[in-house]
Protein backbone atom coordinates (compact mmCIF):
# COMPACT_ATOMS: atom_id res chain seq x y z
CA MET A 1 0.00 0.00 0.00
CA TRP A 2 1.08 3.58 -0.62
CA TYR A 3 1.27 4.39 3.10
CA ASN A 4 3.94 1.67 3.56
CA GLY A 5 6.20 3.27 0.95
CA LEU A 6 8.12 1.73 -1.92
CA LEU A 7 10.07 -0.64 0.34
CA ASP A 8 7.07 -1.84 2.40
CA LEU A 9 9.23 -2.76 5.41
CA SER A 10 8.13 -4.48 8.60
CA PRO A 11 8.47 -2.50 11.85
CA TRP A 12 11.68 -4.30 12.85
CA GLN A 13 13.14 -3.83 9.38
CA LEU A 14 12.31 -0.14 9.65
CA VAL A 15 14.11 0.09 13.00
CA ALA A 16 17.18 -1.63 11.52
CA VAL A 17 17.23 0.68 8.49
CA THR A 18 16.86 3.75 10.71
CA LEU A 19 19.81 2.66 12.86
CA ALA A 20 21.86 1.97 9.73
CA ILE A 21 21.25 5.36 8.11
CA THR A 22 21.82 7.26 11.36
CA HIS A 23 25.07 5.34 11.74
CA VAL A 24 26.21 6.57 8.33
CA THR A 25 25.60 10.09 9.65
CA ILE A 26 27.69 9.37 12.75
CA VAL A 27 30.52 8.04 10.54
CA GLY A 28 30.31 11.21 8.46
CA VAL A 29 30.62 13.38 11.56
CA THR A 30 33.41 11.47 13.31
CA VAL A 31 35.53 10.49 10.28
CA TYR A 32 34.92 13.36 7.86
CA LEU A 33 34.01 16.44 9.91
CA HIS A 34 35.94 15.68 13.07
CA ARG A 35 39.07 13.65 12.38
CA PHE A 36 39.60 14.76 8.77
CA SER A 37 38.33 18.32 8.43
CA ALA A 38 38.83 19.74 11.92
CA HIS A 39 42.06 17.96 12.92
CA ARG A 40 43.59 16.64 9.68
CA ALA A 41 44.43 13.39 11.45
CA LEU A 42 43.91 11.51 8.18
CA ASP A 43 43.46 12.10 4.47
CA LEU A 44 40.30 11.03 2.66
CA HIS A 45 39.76 10.28 -1.02
CA PRO A 46 37.94 13.19 -2.74
CA ALA A 47 35.03 10.89 -3.65
CA LEU A 48 34.56 9.90 0.00
CA GLN A 49 34.83 13.52 1.12
CA HIS A 50 32.09 14.54 -1.27
CA PHE A 51 29.87 11.62 -0.30
CA PHE A 52 30.00 12.69 3.33
CA ARG A 53 29.42 16.36 2.45
CA PHE A 54 26.33 15.38 0.49
CA TRP A 55 25.06 12.95 3.12
CA LEU A 56 25.49 15.43 5.99
CA TRP A 57 23.70 18.10 3.94
CA LEU A 58 20.79 15.65 3.56
CA THR A 59 20.68 14.48 7.18
CA THR A 60 21.91 17.37 9.34
CA ALA A 61 22.02 20.61 7.27
CA MET A 62 25.51 21.09 8.74
CA ASN A 63 28.08 23.01 6.77
CA THR A 64 31.66 21.70 6.75
CA ARG A 65 33.26 25.11 7.35
CA GLU A 66 30.88 26.01 10.16
CA TRP A 67 31.27 22.70 12.00
CA THR A 68 35.05 22.70 11.57
CA ALA A 69 35.44 26.29 12.77
CA ILE A 70 33.23 25.79 15.82
CA HIS A 71 35.05 22.62 16.82
CA ARG A 72 38.49 24.15 16.39
CA LYS A 73 37.40 27.10 18.53
CA HIS A 74 36.13 24.66 21.16
CA HIS A 75 39.64 23.20 21.43
CA ALA A 76 41.37 26.58 21.34
CA LYS A 77 39.09 28.12 24.01
CA CYS A 78 38.07 25.00 25.91
CA GLU A 79 36.41 25.59 29.29
CA THR A 80 36.65 29.37 28.96
CA PRO A 81 33.80 31.85 28.44
CA ASP A 82 34.67 31.85 24.71
CA ASP A 83 34.11 28.11 24.37
CA PRO A 84 31.00 27.74 22.15
CA HIS A 85 29.55 24.91 24.24
CA SER A 86 31.35 24.45 27.54
CA PRO A 87 29.09 23.03 30.29
CA VAL A 88 31.59 24.44 32.80
CA HIS A 89 30.55 27.98 31.86
CA LYS A 90 27.16 27.56 30.18
CA GLY A 91 25.82 24.88 32.49
CA LEU A 92 25.34 21.19 31.80
CA GLY A 93 21.58 21.52 31.45
CA THR A 94 21.95 24.28 28.88
CA VAL A 95 24.33 22.26 26.70
CA LEU A 96 22.20 19.11 26.98
CA ARG A 97 18.94 20.86 26.10
CA ARG A 98 20.15 23.57 23.75
CA GLY A 99 23.33 22.17 22.19
CA ALA A 100 22.03 22.60 18.65
CA GLU A 101 21.01 26.20 19.39
CA LEU A 102 24.50 26.96 20.72
CA TYR A 103 25.94 25.55 17.50
CA ARG A 104 23.67 27.66 15.29
CA ALA A 105 24.42 30.82 17.30
CA GLU A 106 28.17 30.30 16.97
CA ALA A 107 27.82 29.54 13.24
CA GLU A 108 26.64 33.12 12.77
CA ASN A 109 29.85 34.49 14.30
CA GLU A 110 31.87 35.66 11.27
CA ASP A 111 35.06 35.96 13.36
CA THR A 112 34.82 32.30 14.31
CA LEU A 113 34.44 31.26 10.67
CA ARG A 114 37.26 33.54 9.52
CA ILE A 115 39.77 32.54 12.19
CA TYR A 116 39.04 28.84 12.58
CA GLY A 117 37.39 27.87 9.29
CA LYS A 118 40.42 27.77 7.01
CA ASN A 119 41.09 25.00 4.46
CA CYS A 120 37.46 23.95 4.09
CA PRO A 121 35.55 23.27 0.84
CA ASP A 122 34.79 26.36 -1.23
CA ASP A 123 33.96 24.85 -4.62
CA TRP A 124 30.97 25.56 -6.88
CA ILE A 125 28.65 23.02 -5.28
CA GLU A 126 29.50 24.26 -1.79
CA ARG A 127 28.76 27.88 -2.68
CA ASN A 128 25.73 27.30 -4.88
CA VAL A 129 24.05 24.30 -3.26
CA TYR A 130 25.18 23.25 0.22
CA SER A 131 25.79 26.72 1.67
CA ARG A 132 23.16 28.53 -0.38
CA PHE A 133 20.36 26.10 0.48
CA PRO A 134 21.31 24.71 3.93
CA THR A 135 17.82 23.34 4.62
CA GLY A 136 17.33 22.05 1.10
CA GLY A 137 19.02 18.76 1.96
CA VAL A 138 16.86 17.93 4.96
CA ALA A 139 13.73 18.83 2.96
CA LEU A 140 14.86 16.47 0.20
CA MET A 141 15.56 13.80 2.84
CA ALA A 142 11.97 14.12 4.09
CA VAL A 143 10.66 13.49 0.58
CA ILE A 144 12.95 10.47 0.15
CA ASP A 145 11.92 9.00 3.52
CA LEU A 146 8.24 9.43 2.72
CA ALA A 147 8.67 7.77 -0.67
CA LEU A 148 10.68 4.83 0.68
CA PHE A 149 8.97 4.22 4.01
CA GLY A 150 5.49 5.70 3.62
CA ALA A 151 3.79 7.47 6.50
CA LEU A 152 6.36 6.16 8.99
CA GLY A 153 8.99 7.91 6.89
CA LEU A 154 8.22 11.05 8.87
CA THR A 155 9.27 9.21 12.04
CA VAL A 156 12.46 8.01 10.36
CA TRP A 157 13.16 11.57 9.24
CA ALA A 158 12.50 12.95 12.75
CA VAL A 159 14.99 10.45 14.23
CA GLN A 160 17.56 11.44 11.61
CA MET A 161 17.12 15.12 12.40
CA ALA A 162 17.42 14.56 16.17
CA TRP A 163 20.35 12.13 16.03
CA ILE A 164 23.27 14.59 15.89
CA PRO A 165 21.70 17.29 18.11
CA LEU A 166 21.08 14.59 20.74
CA TRP A 167 24.32 12.59 20.63
CA ALA A 168 26.89 15.12 19.45
CA ALA A 169 25.63 18.54 20.49
CA GLY A 170 24.06 17.26 23.71
CA VAL A 171 25.72 14.10 25.01
CA ILE A 172 29.31 14.57 23.79
CA ASN A 173 29.56 18.34 24.27
CA GLY A 174 27.65 18.15 27.56
CA LEU A 175 28.14 14.87 29.40
CA GLY A 176 31.56 14.44 27.77
CA HIS A 177 32.78 17.36 29.88
CA ALA A 178 30.91 16.50 33.07
CA ILE A 179 30.78 12.78 33.91
CA GLY A 180 32.74 9.64 33.07
CA TYR A 181 36.31 8.46 33.55
CA ARG A 182 39.62 10.07 32.61
CA ASN A 183 42.65 8.20 31.31
CA PHE A 184 44.67 11.41 31.19
CA GLU A 185 44.74 14.67 33.13
CA CYS A 186 44.52 17.05 30.19
CA ARG A 187 43.93 20.73 30.97
CA ASP A 188 40.17 20.65 30.31
CA ALA A 189 37.32 18.67 31.86
CA ALA A 190 36.84 16.19 28.98
CA THR A 191 35.85 12.67 30.02
CA ASN A 192 35.39 9.26 28.43
CA LEU A 193 31.75 8.26 28.72
CA VAL A 194 31.82 4.52 28.04
CA PRO A 195 34.58 2.24 26.76
CA TRP A 196 32.39 0.30 24.32
CA GLY A 197 30.26 2.93 22.61
CA ILE A 198 28.49 1.94 19.41
CA LEU A 199 25.97 4.70 18.79
CA ILE A 200 28.48 7.57 18.83
CA GLY A 201 31.23 6.07 16.66
CA GLY A 202 34.10 6.46 19.15
CA GLU A 203 33.32 10.06 20.04
CA GLU A 204 32.45 8.93 23.55
CA LEU A 205 36.24 8.57 24.18
CA HIS A 206 36.37 12.33 24.63
CA ASN A 207 39.14 12.55 27.24
CA ASN A 208 41.43 10.54 24.98
CA HIS A 209 40.59 12.89 22.10
CA HIS A 210 41.22 16.10 24.05
CA THR A 211 44.55 14.70 25.22
CA TYR A 212 45.62 13.79 21.67
CA PRO A 213 43.35 15.90 19.42
CA ASN A 214 45.32 15.19 16.24
CA SER A 215 45.13 11.42 16.57
CA ALA A 216 42.96 9.54 14.05
CA LYS A 217 42.45 6.81 16.66
CA LEU A 218 40.51 7.71 19.80
CA SER A 219 40.88 4.49 21.80
CA VAL A 220 43.93 4.11 24.03
CA LYS A 221 43.29 1.24 26.44
CA LYS A 222 43.10 -2.31 25.09
CA TRP A 223 39.49 -2.64 26.27
CA GLU A 224 38.31 0.60 24.65
CA PHE A 225 36.57 0.34 21.27
CA ASP A 226 36.62 3.11 18.68
CA LEU A 227 34.14 2.25 15.94
CA GLY A 228 35.24 5.29 13.90
CA TRP A 229 38.76 3.86 13.84
CA ALA A 230 37.38 0.56 12.52
CA TRP A 231 35.80 2.47 9.62
CA ILE A 232 39.08 4.32 9.00
CA LYS A 233 40.94 1.00 8.82
CA LEU A 234 38.37 -0.25 6.31
CA PHE A 235 38.60 2.91 4.20
CA SER A 236 42.41 2.62 4.32
CA ALA A 237 42.27 -0.99 3.12
CA LEU A 238 40.09 0.16 0.21
CA GLY A 239 42.50 2.95 -0.70
CA LEU A 240 40.02 5.65 0.38
CA ALA A 241 41.89 6.94 3.44
CA LYS A 242 45.41 7.39 4.74
CA VAL A 243 46.15 7.91 8.43
CA ALA A 244 48.38 10.91 9.09
CA ARG A 245 48.75 10.82 12.89
CA VAL A 246 47.90 8.72 15.92
CA ALA A 247 48.74 9.15 19.60
CA PRO A 248 52.43 8.63 20.42
CA ILE A 249 53.55 5.23 21.70
CA ALA A 250 55.49 5.22 24.96
CA HIS A 251 58.50 3.02 24.22
CA ARG A 252 60.51 1.60 27.08
CA VAL A 253 63.87 -0.13 26.79
CA GLU A 254 64.36 -2.51 29.69
CA GLY A 255 67.81 -2.23 31.22
CA LYS A 256 68.32 1.34 29.98
CA GLY A 257 69.63 3.17 33.04
CA SER A 258 70.91 6.50 31.77
CA LEU A 259 69.12 9.78 31.13
CA ASP A 260 69.99 11.25 27.74
CA MET A 261 68.37 13.56 25.19
CA ASP A 262 66.46 10.64 23.67
CA THR A 263 64.95 9.97 27.11
CA ALA A 264 64.04 13.64 27.64
CA MET A 265 62.28 13.89 24.28
CA ALA A 266 60.45 10.60 24.88
CA ILE A 267 59.24 11.85 28.26
CA LEU A 268 58.01 15.09 26.70
CA ASN A 269 56.32 13.19 23.87
CA ASN A 270 54.59 10.78 26.24
CA ARG A 271 54.01 13.09 29.21
CA PHE A 272 50.31 12.28 29.57
CA GLN A 273 50.92 8.51 29.62
CA ILE A 274 53.76 9.05 32.07
CA MET A 275 51.57 11.05 34.44
CA ALA A 276 48.92 8.33 34.19
CA GLN A 277 51.64 5.87 35.23
CA TYR A 278 52.59 8.18 38.11
CA ARG A 279 49.00 8.02 39.35
CA LYS A 280 48.98 4.22 39.06
CA LEU A 281 52.46 3.39 40.36
CA VAL A 282 53.13 6.15 42.91
CA ILE A 283 49.95 7.87 44.09
CA ALA A 284 47.60 4.86 44.25
CA PRO A 285 49.82 2.50 46.30
CA LEU A 286 50.94 5.22 48.69
CA VAL A 287 47.36 6.36 49.32
CA ALA A 288 46.44 2.73 50.07
CA GLN A 289 49.31 2.49 52.55
CA GLU A 290 48.36 5.72 54.29
CA VAL A 291 44.70 4.73 54.53
CA ALA A 292 45.67 1.42 56.14
CA LYS A 293 47.55 3.12 58.96
CA ALA A 294 45.40 6.26 59.34
CA ASP A 295 43.47 6.89 62.51
CA ALA A 296 39.71 6.41 62.18
CA SER A 297 39.13 10.07 63.02
CA VAL A 298 40.91 11.27 59.86
CA ARG A 299 40.23 8.38 57.50
CA HIS A 300 37.41 10.34 55.83
CA LEU A 301 40.04 12.71 54.42
CA TYR A 302 41.30 9.90 52.19
CA HIS A 303 37.97 9.56 50.36
CA ARG A 304 38.81 9.93 46.64
CA ALA A 305 42.35 10.94 47.61
CA LYS A 306 43.88 9.21 44.58
CA ARG A 307 41.67 11.24 42.25
CA LEU A 308 42.30 14.53 44.04
CA LEU A 309 46.07 14.09 44.17
CA SER A 310 46.29 13.27 40.45
CA ARG A 311 43.71 15.76 39.15
CA GLU A 312 44.73 18.60 36.84
CA THR A 313 45.09 21.52 39.26
CA SER A 314 43.29 24.04 37.04
CA LEU A 315 40.14 21.90 37.31
CA LEU A 316 40.10 21.82 41.11
CA GLU A 317 37.69 23.97 43.06
CA GLU A 318 38.59 25.81 46.28
CA ARG A 319 37.06 23.07 48.42
CA HIS A 320 39.24 20.52 46.62
CA HIS A 321 42.40 22.54 47.31
CA ALA A 322 41.38 22.75 50.97
CA ARG A 323 40.82 18.96 51.09
CA ILE A 324 44.24 18.36 49.56
CA GLN A 325 45.94 20.60 52.12
CA ASP A 326 44.17 18.81 54.98
CA LEU A 327 45.23 15.49 53.49
CA LEU A 328 48.86 16.49 53.03
CA ALA A 329 48.97 17.75 56.60
CA GLN A 330 48.28 14.17 57.71
CA SER A 331 51.05 12.54 55.67
CA GLN A 332 54.53 13.77 54.85
CA ALA A 333 54.91 11.01 52.26
CA LEU A 334 51.79 12.11 50.39
CA LYS A 335 53.03 15.70 50.52
CA VAL A 336 56.31 14.65 48.92
CA ILE A 337 54.75 12.68 46.06
CA TYR A 338 52.18 15.41 45.40
CA GLU A 339 54.85 18.10 45.21
CA LYS A 340 57.01 15.85 43.04
CA ARG A 341 54.07 15.33 40.68
CA LEU A 342 53.59 19.08 40.29
CA ALA A 343 57.35 19.56 39.84
CA LEU A 344 57.50 16.94 37.08
CA GLN A 345 54.66 18.63 35.19
CA GLN A 346 56.37 21.98 35.55
CA ILE A 347 59.50 20.65 33.84
CA TRP A 348 57.93 20.30 30.39
CA ALA A 349 55.75 23.36 30.86
CA ARG A 350 58.84 25.45 31.61
CA THR A 351 61.59 23.85 29.51
CA SER A 352 59.93 22.12 26.53
CA SER A 353 61.43 24.62 24.08
CA ASN A 354 64.96 23.80 25.22
CA GLY A 355 65.91 20.14 25.25
CA HIS A 356 69.13 20.63 27.22
CA ASP A 357 67.36 22.51 30.00
CA MET A 358 64.66 19.85 30.11
CA LEU A 359 67.22 17.06 30.33
CA ALA A 360 69.01 18.82 33.19
CA ALA A 361 65.72 19.40 35.03
CA ILE A 362 64.68 15.74 34.63
CA LYS A 363 68.05 14.59 35.97
CA ASP A 364 67.59 16.79 39.03
CA TRP A 365 64.03 15.48 39.51
CA VAL A 366 65.19 11.85 39.30
CA GLN A 367 68.01 12.42 41.80
CA GLU A 368 65.60 14.00 44.28
CA ALA A 369 63.09 11.18 43.78
CA GLU A 370 65.75 8.54 44.37
CA ALA A 371 66.81 10.32 47.56
CA SER A 372 63.23 10.65 48.85
CA GLY A 373 63.20 7.34 50.69
CA ILE A 374 59.77 6.51 49.19
CA GLN A 375 60.03 3.16 47.45
CA SER A 376 57.31 3.68 44.84
CA LEU A 377 58.76 7.08 43.92
CA ARG A 378 62.25 5.62 43.58
CA GLU A 379 60.98 2.83 41.34
CA PHE A 380 59.11 5.34 39.16
CA ALA A 381 62.30 7.41 38.81
CA GLU A 382 64.13 4.30 37.64
CA GLN A 383 61.37 3.63 35.13
CA LEU A 384 61.70 7.15 33.71
CA LYS A 385 65.24 6.34 32.60
CA THR A 386 63.98 3.54 30.35
CA TYR A 387 61.83 5.72 28.06
CA SER A 388 62.96 6.09 24.46
CA LEU A 389 61.62 7.59 21.23
CA ARG A 390 62.43 4.29 19.53
CA PRO A 391 61.39 0.75 20.49
CA ALA A 392 63.97 -1.67 21.81
CA PRO A 393 66.02 -3.29 19.02
CA ALA A 394 64.83 -6.77 18.06
CA LEU A 395 66.97 -9.69 19.17
CA ALA A 396 68.95 -11.44 16.45
């Protein structure tokens, strides 16, 4: 019948098709708009680029230059009043409910487009079709859905139109800066939402992305799954994509016991992984030791102590700083490892432009750590010496 459309699908078939076509939209956003256009983490074949431009025009009315510029500004101004969609400043509820409105408002900012929208498509079809008729695509999509799926095509179309505002503008931009877990203490509040996301194409690994924004691969841990990366690997196998950059690999050479320039550059290159190791190997075991011997009257101070002592300091509130000071007053050992953590971070913040100064500062840090008398800190200092820009040579 006409009201079932040309395909005359069953309800379950219609659900499956809707999930499939919304997934194509997610792939377009994460692979084309995000990893390719905004960050240039990979190259895409021109035919694939144009397919995604056309598909996103049909299903989202989003313009490549606008999306790219807004996202680049988000990274450049993250968690500041100039961030287009920071829940830290605009409120989580606002970003969740009005994420699409925040996007549209920022898209009208000519300065944002001029400063952050460079190297985006500006060909005839972009100027005369996609940019000139931004809602023409979604109107055409409504007609196609009605023809294929009949009366329920309007429901399919409504889901398509809500998919990106819900998952990207709301969930990722909102919850991805408010709740979840953090593999790395980057300087903004980005979090990983779930390790096995399917619906969002890998974008749920937001902390990983903000730590290494130019990486084409968003998963870091072995148990994390980046569906966007799986598509990139498939496109690469088909000759449609070429990966330009991924997150650095922290190489360690067992038995290496000297600090040299190679070590200093490797530490700089892998500083976020190294600080994650500091949390795991130094902070966590020492907190456990101190909790075990703490008096019951002060044991409450150790609640979430590992998280507080490893948290990026710019993200801490006044009450957190007060808690940390109360905690450090109870334990000289915790005070030492906390101060050593801050000192290690200061080394690359202060000396990264001068390798020789950085090497000298790391040597001083290691000597002080080895003389601290804290076993976990001494072992971590020994581990620092084993880092290298190159993997260990293979055995003959």
